[in-house]
Amino acid sequence: MQHQPGPMVAQAAVCAPPDVAHPIGAGPLAWYDQIRALLIQNGLPPEPAMYDVLWRYVRDDDPELSLAIDKAIAGAGLTLGTVLGLRETLLGQMSEAQVNQLIAEAHGQAQALTKRIESGQTDLADYGRAIAVGGERLAGPMDPAALAGLLEQLSAATSTVQAANGRLLEELEHAAAESLALADRLIQAERAAVTDALTGVLNRRGLMAAVETAQTEADASGKPLALTVVDIDHFKQFNDRFGHAMGDDVLRFVAHHLDEMLEKDGGCVGGLGGEEFVGVMPGTTVQAAAGRIDRIRADLAGRVLRSAVDGSSMGRISFSAGVAEHRAGQGADQLIQRADGALYTAKRLGRDRVVPDRG
């Protein structure tokens, strides 16, 4: 499937009758029962990592993860190693062993550099003593032979310290290169920890941190902050018709499209779960944000996705969205919940539209 936009069309797709999702909080107990059954059936320990992965699975928050777990269940079964492996590879989570390895490498580099510096300090101290002794001897009477001997000793001491300094410089350069490489790996690890592996936008952890940071900055500056929750319309129907792989392409395309549009004005996008995304828009009122998201919606709905195999049309992708504006004293969860409530209204009204929070 080609997930780049096809030719533009003049009209947006006509929405099918709405199949409105349940409000927030309507299904957690049912999802918990499913998780409990999976743990018992597969003999898995009731640990946080298990709940983290299986919660995403029963809600179908991550199509790639759901497909991998379905294959594991149909094959050799769902094991502890399989779940932890999926958590690491698909959800961008670093294992404890990987974190410990990075820490050990940094500690080892620091120890090696400390030893080399201590050795260099010893070499310099020896050289300083040689110069002091030579100075004392020069203060007294010396015959030519004794002076020649002293100069030879000082020359040897100078050569020794120059060689030591050369080795120290090489080792410092090597240590600097290792430190840069380690810093790069740490940056990559930090980025992976807050990035959704499938779409490339912020994962839930990174998203919540971004929202909280934006709220703090808005409170300090007095500038407005808007947030939108976007849900791809009838995504399950698309998945059922074309398969999870093409559904993944749609998720990547929509995520990239939103991120590209909002990043221009200092915003960012993160995945809330499944086919839902959150856009953070600093310096924007709810009215301005609703207009901007509606233009993005109209642009996306006017594009046709075509198969990379035969060029056949795979239809249009539309989304529904709710928009809310930050209020002082409210946290990230409250802001997202208000935008999500507006999204629910957009779905109830027929989808393929943007509704601002009226609360």
Foldseek 3Di string as FASTA:
>chain_A
DDLDFDDFDDDFDDFDFFPFDDAPPPCPVVLVVVLVVLCVVQVHDPDPLSCVLSSQQSVVQDVVSVVQQVVQCVPVHDDPVSSVVCCCPQALDDDPVVVVVLVVLVVVLVVVLVVLVVVLVVLVVVLVVLVVVLVVVVVDDDDPVVVVVSVVVNVVSVVSNVVSVVVNVVVVVVSVVVVVVSVVVVVVSVLSNQARPLQRFGEPVVVQVVLQVLLVVCVVVVAKKKKKKKAKPPLVVLCVVPNSVVSSSNLNSVQVLLQVQQVVQPKGKYRPGHRMIMIIHTRDALVRVQVSVLVSQRRQSRTWDADPPPRHTSHGIGMEMEMEMDDPPDGPVVNVSQRVVQSSVCSVVRTRHYGYRPD
